[in-house]
């Protein structure tokens, strides 16, 4: 394996992270988590003024991409940023 192969794998992983962020709602969720700290889907739903099911679908995509993680606290799941690269990227953009 040469350096190009290793670099290409890293580029693919980074590309997948960027694809997951490339939607206004998901970018808004991530920006909100960075600016306001961890929160649950109900809180995101009220801030975004979107159906809770829509917010949940976007949270699921962010979670699958490894951008956010959730921790169960009682009956709710609190989400937070799990990838520091995303925090730095979004902070640079805004």
N, C-alpha and C. Protein backbone atom coordinates (compact mmCIF):
# COMPACT_ATOMS: atom_id res chain seq x y z
N UNK A 1 0.85 -1.18 0.00
CA UNK A 1 0.00 0.00 0.00
C UNK A 1 0.89 1.24 0.00
N UNK A 2 0.64 2.14 -0.92
CA UNK A 2 1.44 3.36 -0.98
C UNK A 2 0.72 4.50 -0.26
N UNK A 3 1.38 5.65 -0.18
CA UNK A 3 0.80 6.80 0.53
C UNK A 3 -0.50 7.28 -0.10
N UNK A 4 -0.59 7.19 -1.42
CA UNK A 4 -1.81 7.64 -2.09
C UNK A 4 -3.01 6.83 -1.61
N UNK A 5 -2.85 5.51 -1.47
CA UNK A 5 -3.95 4.67 -1.01
C UNK A 5 -4.40 5.06 0.39
N UNK A 6 -3.47 5.32 1.29
CA UNK A 6 -3.83 5.71 2.65
C UNK A 6 -4.49 7.08 2.66
N UNK A 7 -3.95 8.01 1.87
CA UNK A 7 -4.54 9.33 1.81
C UNK A 7 -5.94 9.28 1.21
N UNK A 8 -6.14 8.42 0.21
CA UNK A 8 -7.45 8.32 -0.43
C UNK A 8 -8.49 7.78 0.55
N UNK A 9 -8.10 6.84 1.39
CA UNK A 9 -9.05 6.32 2.39
C UNK A 9 -9.47 7.43 3.35
N UNK A 10 -8.52 8.22 3.78
CA UNK A 10 -8.84 9.34 4.67
C UNK A 10 -9.72 10.36 3.95
N UNK A 11 -9.45 10.59 2.68
CA UNK A 11 -10.27 11.52 1.90
C UNK A 11 -11.70 11.00 1.77
N UNK A 12 -11.86 9.70 1.57
CA UNK A 12 -13.19 9.12 1.49
C UNK A 12 -13.96 9.30 2.80
N UNK A 13 -13.28 9.05 3.93
CA UNK A 13 -13.92 9.21 5.24
C UNK A 13 -14.34 10.66 5.47
N UNK A 14 -13.47 11.57 5.13
CA UNK A 14 -13.78 13.00 5.29
C UNK A 14 -14.93 13.40 4.38
N UNK A 15 -14.92 12.87 3.17
CA UNK A 15 -16.00 13.15 2.22
C UNK A 15 -17.35 12.70 2.76
N UNK A 16 -17.39 11.54 3.41
CA UNK A 16 -18.64 11.03 4.00
C UNK A 16 -19.12 11.95 5.13
N UNK A 17 -18.20 12.45 5.93
CA UNK A 17 -18.59 13.40 6.99
C UNK A 17 -19.19 14.66 6.38
N UNK A 18 -18.55 15.15 5.32
CA UNK A 18 -19.06 16.37 4.67
C UNK A 18 -20.42 16.14 4.03
N UNK A 19 -20.62 14.95 3.45
CA UNK A 19 -21.92 14.62 2.86
C UNK A 19 -23.01 14.64 3.92
N UNK A 20 -22.70 14.11 5.08
CA UNK A 20 -23.69 14.07 6.16
C UNK A 20 -24.05 15.48 6.62
N UNK A 21 -23.10 16.39 6.55
CA UNK A 21 -23.35 17.78 6.96
C UNK A 21 -24.02 18.60 5.87
N UNK A 22 -24.00 18.12 4.65
CA UNK A 22 -24.43 18.91 3.50
C UNK A 22 -25.95 19.01 3.36
N UNK A 23 -26.62 19.31 4.44
CA UNK A 23 -28.06 19.55 4.43
C UNK A 23 -28.32 20.65 5.46
N UNK A 24 -29.14 21.64 5.11
CA UNK A 24 -29.33 22.76 6.03
C UNK A 24 -29.83 22.36 7.42
N UNK A 25 -30.71 21.37 7.51
CA UNK A 25 -31.23 20.97 8.82
C UNK A 25 -30.13 20.30 9.64
N UNK A 26 -29.37 19.42 9.01
CA UNK A 26 -28.30 18.73 9.75
C UNK A 26 -27.21 19.72 10.18
N UNK A 27 -26.89 20.65 9.31
CA UNK A 27 -25.91 21.67 9.66
C UNK A 27 -26.42 22.53 10.82
N UNK A 28 -27.70 22.83 10.80
CA UNK A 28 -28.31 23.61 11.89
C UNK A 28 -28.28 22.83 13.21
N UNK A 29 -28.56 21.54 13.15
CA UNK A 29 -28.51 20.70 14.36
C UNK A 29 -27.10 20.71 14.94
N UNK A 30 -26.11 20.49 14.08
CA UNK A 30 -24.72 20.44 14.55
C UNK A 30 -24.30 21.80 15.11
N UNK A 31 -24.65 22.85 14.41
CA UNK A 31 -24.31 24.19 14.89
C UNK A 31 -24.98 24.47 16.24
N UNK A 32 -26.22 24.04 16.38
CA UNK A 32 -26.92 24.22 17.66
C UNK A 32 -26.28 23.44 18.79
N UNK A 33 -25.85 22.23 18.51
CA UNK A 33 -25.18 21.42 19.54
C UNK A 33 -23.84 22.04 19.94
N UNK A 34 -23.15 22.61 18.97
CA UNK A 34 -21.87 23.26 19.28
C UNK A 34 -22.11 24.52 20.12
N UNK A 35 -23.08 25.31 19.72
CA UNK A 35 -23.32 26.59 20.39
C UNK A 35 -24.06 26.49 21.71
N UNK A 36 -24.98 25.52 21.81
CA UNK A 36 -25.84 25.43 22.99
C UNK A 36 -25.56 24.24 23.88
N UNK A 37 -24.73 23.33 23.42
CA UNK A 37 -24.43 22.14 24.20
C UNK A 37 -25.41 21.02 23.91
N UNK A 38 -25.23 19.91 24.61
CA UNK A 38 -26.05 18.72 24.39
C UNK A 38 -27.54 18.98 24.60
N UNK A 39 -28.38 18.30 23.81
CA UNK A 39 -29.83 18.40 24.00
C UNK A 39 -30.53 17.20 23.37
N UNK A 40 -31.83 17.11 23.60
CA UNK A 40 -32.61 15.99 23.07
C UNK A 40 -33.35 16.42 21.80
N UNK A 41 -33.98 15.45 21.12
CA UNK A 41 -34.68 15.71 19.87
C UNK A 41 -35.86 16.66 20.09
N UNK A 42 -36.55 16.55 21.22
CA UNK A 42 -37.68 17.45 21.48
C UNK A 42 -37.24 18.90 21.51
N UNK A 43 -36.11 19.17 22.12
CA UNK A 43 -35.58 20.52 22.17
C UNK A 43 -35.19 20.99 20.77
N UNK A 44 -34.54 20.12 19.99
CA UNK A 44 -34.16 20.46 18.62
C UNK A 44 -35.42 20.75 17.80
N UNK A 45 -36.43 19.91 17.99
CA UNK A 45 -37.69 20.04 17.26
C UNK A 45 -38.32 21.40 17.50
N UNK A 46 -38.34 21.86 18.73
CA UNK A 46 -38.97 23.15 19.03
C UNK A 46 -38.14 24.31 18.47
N UNK A 47 -36.83 24.17 18.41
CA UNK A 47 -35.98 25.23 17.86
C UNK A 47 -36.05 25.28 16.33
N UNK A 48 -36.18 24.13 15.70
CA UNK A 48 -36.17 24.07 14.24
C UNK A 48 -37.55 24.29 13.62
N UNK A 49 -38.60 24.15 14.42
CA UNK A 49 -39.96 24.29 13.92
C UNK A 49 -40.24 23.31 12.77
N UNK A 50 -39.79 22.09 12.95
CA UNK A 50 -40.01 21.00 12.00
C UNK A 50 -40.66 19.85 12.75
N UNK A 51 -41.35 18.96 12.03
CA UNK A 51 -41.92 17.78 12.70
C UNK A 51 -40.82 16.98 13.41
N UNK A 52 -41.16 16.44 14.56
CA UNK A 52 -40.18 15.70 15.34
C UNK A 52 -39.64 14.51 14.55
N UNK A 53 -40.48 13.88 13.72
CA UNK A 53 -40.02 12.74 12.93
C UNK A 53 -38.94 13.17 11.93
N UNK A 54 -39.07 14.37 11.36
CA UNK A 54 -38.07 14.89 10.43
C UNK A 54 -36.75 15.13 11.15
N UNK A 55 -36.83 15.75 12.31
CA UNK A 55 -35.63 16.01 13.10
C UNK A 55 -34.96 14.69 13.48
N UNK A 56 -35.75 13.71 13.88
CA UNK A 56 -35.21 12.40 14.26
C UNK A 56 -34.48 11.73 13.09
N UNK A 57 -35.01 11.87 11.89
CA UNK A 57 -34.35 11.28 10.71
C UNK A 57 -32.99 11.94 10.48
N UNK A 58 -32.93 13.25 10.62
CA UNK A 58 -31.65 13.94 10.44
C UNK A 58 -30.67 13.59 11.55
N UNK A 59 -31.16 13.48 12.77
CA UNK A 59 -30.30 13.07 13.89
C UNK A 59 -29.74 11.67 13.63
N UNK A 60 -30.56 10.79 13.11
CA UNK A 60 -30.13 9.43 12.80
C UNK A 60 -29.00 9.43 11.77
N UNK A 61 -29.11 10.26 10.75
CA UNK A 61 -28.05 10.34 9.74
C UNK A 61 -26.76 10.89 10.34
N UNK A 62 -26.87 11.89 11.19
CA UNK A 62 -25.68 12.44 11.84
C UNK A 62 -25.03 11.41 12.76
N UNK A 63 -25.86 10.65 13.44
CA UNK A 63 -25.35 9.62 14.35
C UNK A 63 -24.68 8.50 13.56
N UNK A 64 -25.29 8.08 12.46
CA UNK A 64 -24.70 7.03 11.62
C UNK A 64 -23.35 7.45 11.06
N UNK A 65 -23.21 8.73 10.77
CA UNK A 65 -21.95 9.25 10.23
C UNK A 65 -20.89 9.44 11.30
N UNK A 66 -21.27 9.28 12.57
CA UNK A 66 -20.31 9.42 13.66
C UNK A 66 -20.07 10.87 14.06
N UNK A 67 -20.95 11.76 13.62
CA UNK A 67 -20.79 13.19 13.92
C UNK A 67 -21.33 13.51 15.30
N UNK A 68 -22.42 12.86 15.67
CA UNK A 68 -22.99 13.06 17.00
C UNK A 68 -23.15 11.70 17.68
N UNK A 69 -23.29 11.75 18.99
CA UNK A 69 -23.56 10.54 19.77
C UNK A 69 -24.65 10.86 20.76
N UNK A 70 -25.36 9.83 21.19
CA UNK A 70 -26.43 10.02 22.14
C UNK A 70 -26.21 9.22 23.40
N UNK A 71 -26.62 9.80 24.51
CA UNK A 71 -26.53 9.12 25.80
C UNK A 71 -27.91 9.15 26.45
N UNK A 72 -28.38 7.97 26.81
CA UNK A 72 -29.70 7.87 27.41
C UNK A 72 -29.66 8.37 28.85
N UNK A 73 -30.61 9.26 29.15
CA UNK A 73 -30.78 9.76 30.52
C UNK A 73 -32.27 9.63 30.82
N UNK A 74 -32.61 8.59 31.55
CA UNK A 74 -34.01 8.32 31.84
C UNK A 74 -34.73 7.92 30.58
N UNK A 75 -35.77 8.66 30.22
CA UNK A 75 -36.57 8.33 29.05
C UNK A 75 -36.13 9.08 27.79
N UNK A 76 -35.12 9.94 27.90
CA UNK A 76 -34.69 10.70 26.74
C UNK A 76 -33.24 10.40 26.38
N UNK A 77 -32.89 10.74 25.16
CA UNK A 77 -31.51 10.60 24.70
C UNK A 77 -30.98 12.00 24.46
N UNK A 78 -29.85 12.29 25.08
CA UNK A 78 -29.20 13.59 24.95
C UNK A 78 -28.07 13.44 23.92
N UNK A 79 -28.11 14.28 22.89
CA UNK A 79 -27.13 14.22 21.81
C UNK A 79 -26.08 15.30 21.96
N UNK A 80 -24.86 14.96 21.53
CA UNK A 80 -23.76 15.90 21.55
C UNK A 80 -22.80 15.57 20.40
N UNK A 81 -21.94 16.50 20.08
CA UNK A 81 -20.95 16.31 19.02
C UNK A 81 -19.95 15.25 19.48
N UNK A 82 -19.65 14.30 18.60
CA UNK A 82 -18.71 13.25 18.98
C UNK A 82 -17.41 13.32 18.19
N UNK A 83 -17.36 14.17 17.18
CA UNK A 83 -16.17 14.26 16.34
C UNK A 83 -15.63 15.69 16.40
N UNK A 84 -14.48 15.86 17.02
CA UNK A 84 -13.93 17.20 17.21
C UNK A 84 -13.60 17.88 15.88
N UNK A 85 -13.35 17.10 14.83
CA UNK A 85 -13.08 17.70 13.51
C UNK A 85 -14.29 18.48 13.01
N UNK A 86 -15.46 17.95 13.30
CA UNK A 86 -16.69 18.61 12.85
C UNK A 86 -16.85 19.93 13.59
N UNK A 87 -16.58 19.92 14.88
CA UNK A 87 -16.69 21.15 15.65
C UNK A 87 -15.78 22.22 15.08
N UNK A 88 -14.53 21.85 14.78
CA UNK A 88 -13.59 22.81 14.22
C UNK A 88 -14.04 23.29 12.85
N UNK A 89 -14.53 22.38 12.03
CA UNK A 89 -14.98 22.74 10.68
C UNK A 89 -16.15 23.72 10.72
N UNK A 90 -17.16 23.39 11.52
CA UNK A 90 -18.34 24.25 11.59
C UNK A 90 -17.99 25.61 12.20
N UNK A 91 -17.13 25.62 13.19
CA UNK A 91 -16.71 26.89 13.76
C UNK A 91 -15.96 27.74 12.73
N UNK A 92 -15.18 27.11 11.85
CA UNK A 92 -14.49 27.85 10.79
C UNK A 92 -15.48 28.42 9.78
N UNK A 93 -16.50 27.66 9.45
CA UNK A 93 -17.49 28.10 8.46
C UNK A 93 -18.27 29.30 8.99
N UNK A 94 -18.65 29.25 10.25
CA UNK A 94 -19.49 30.30 10.82
C UNK A 94 -18.66 31.23 11.68
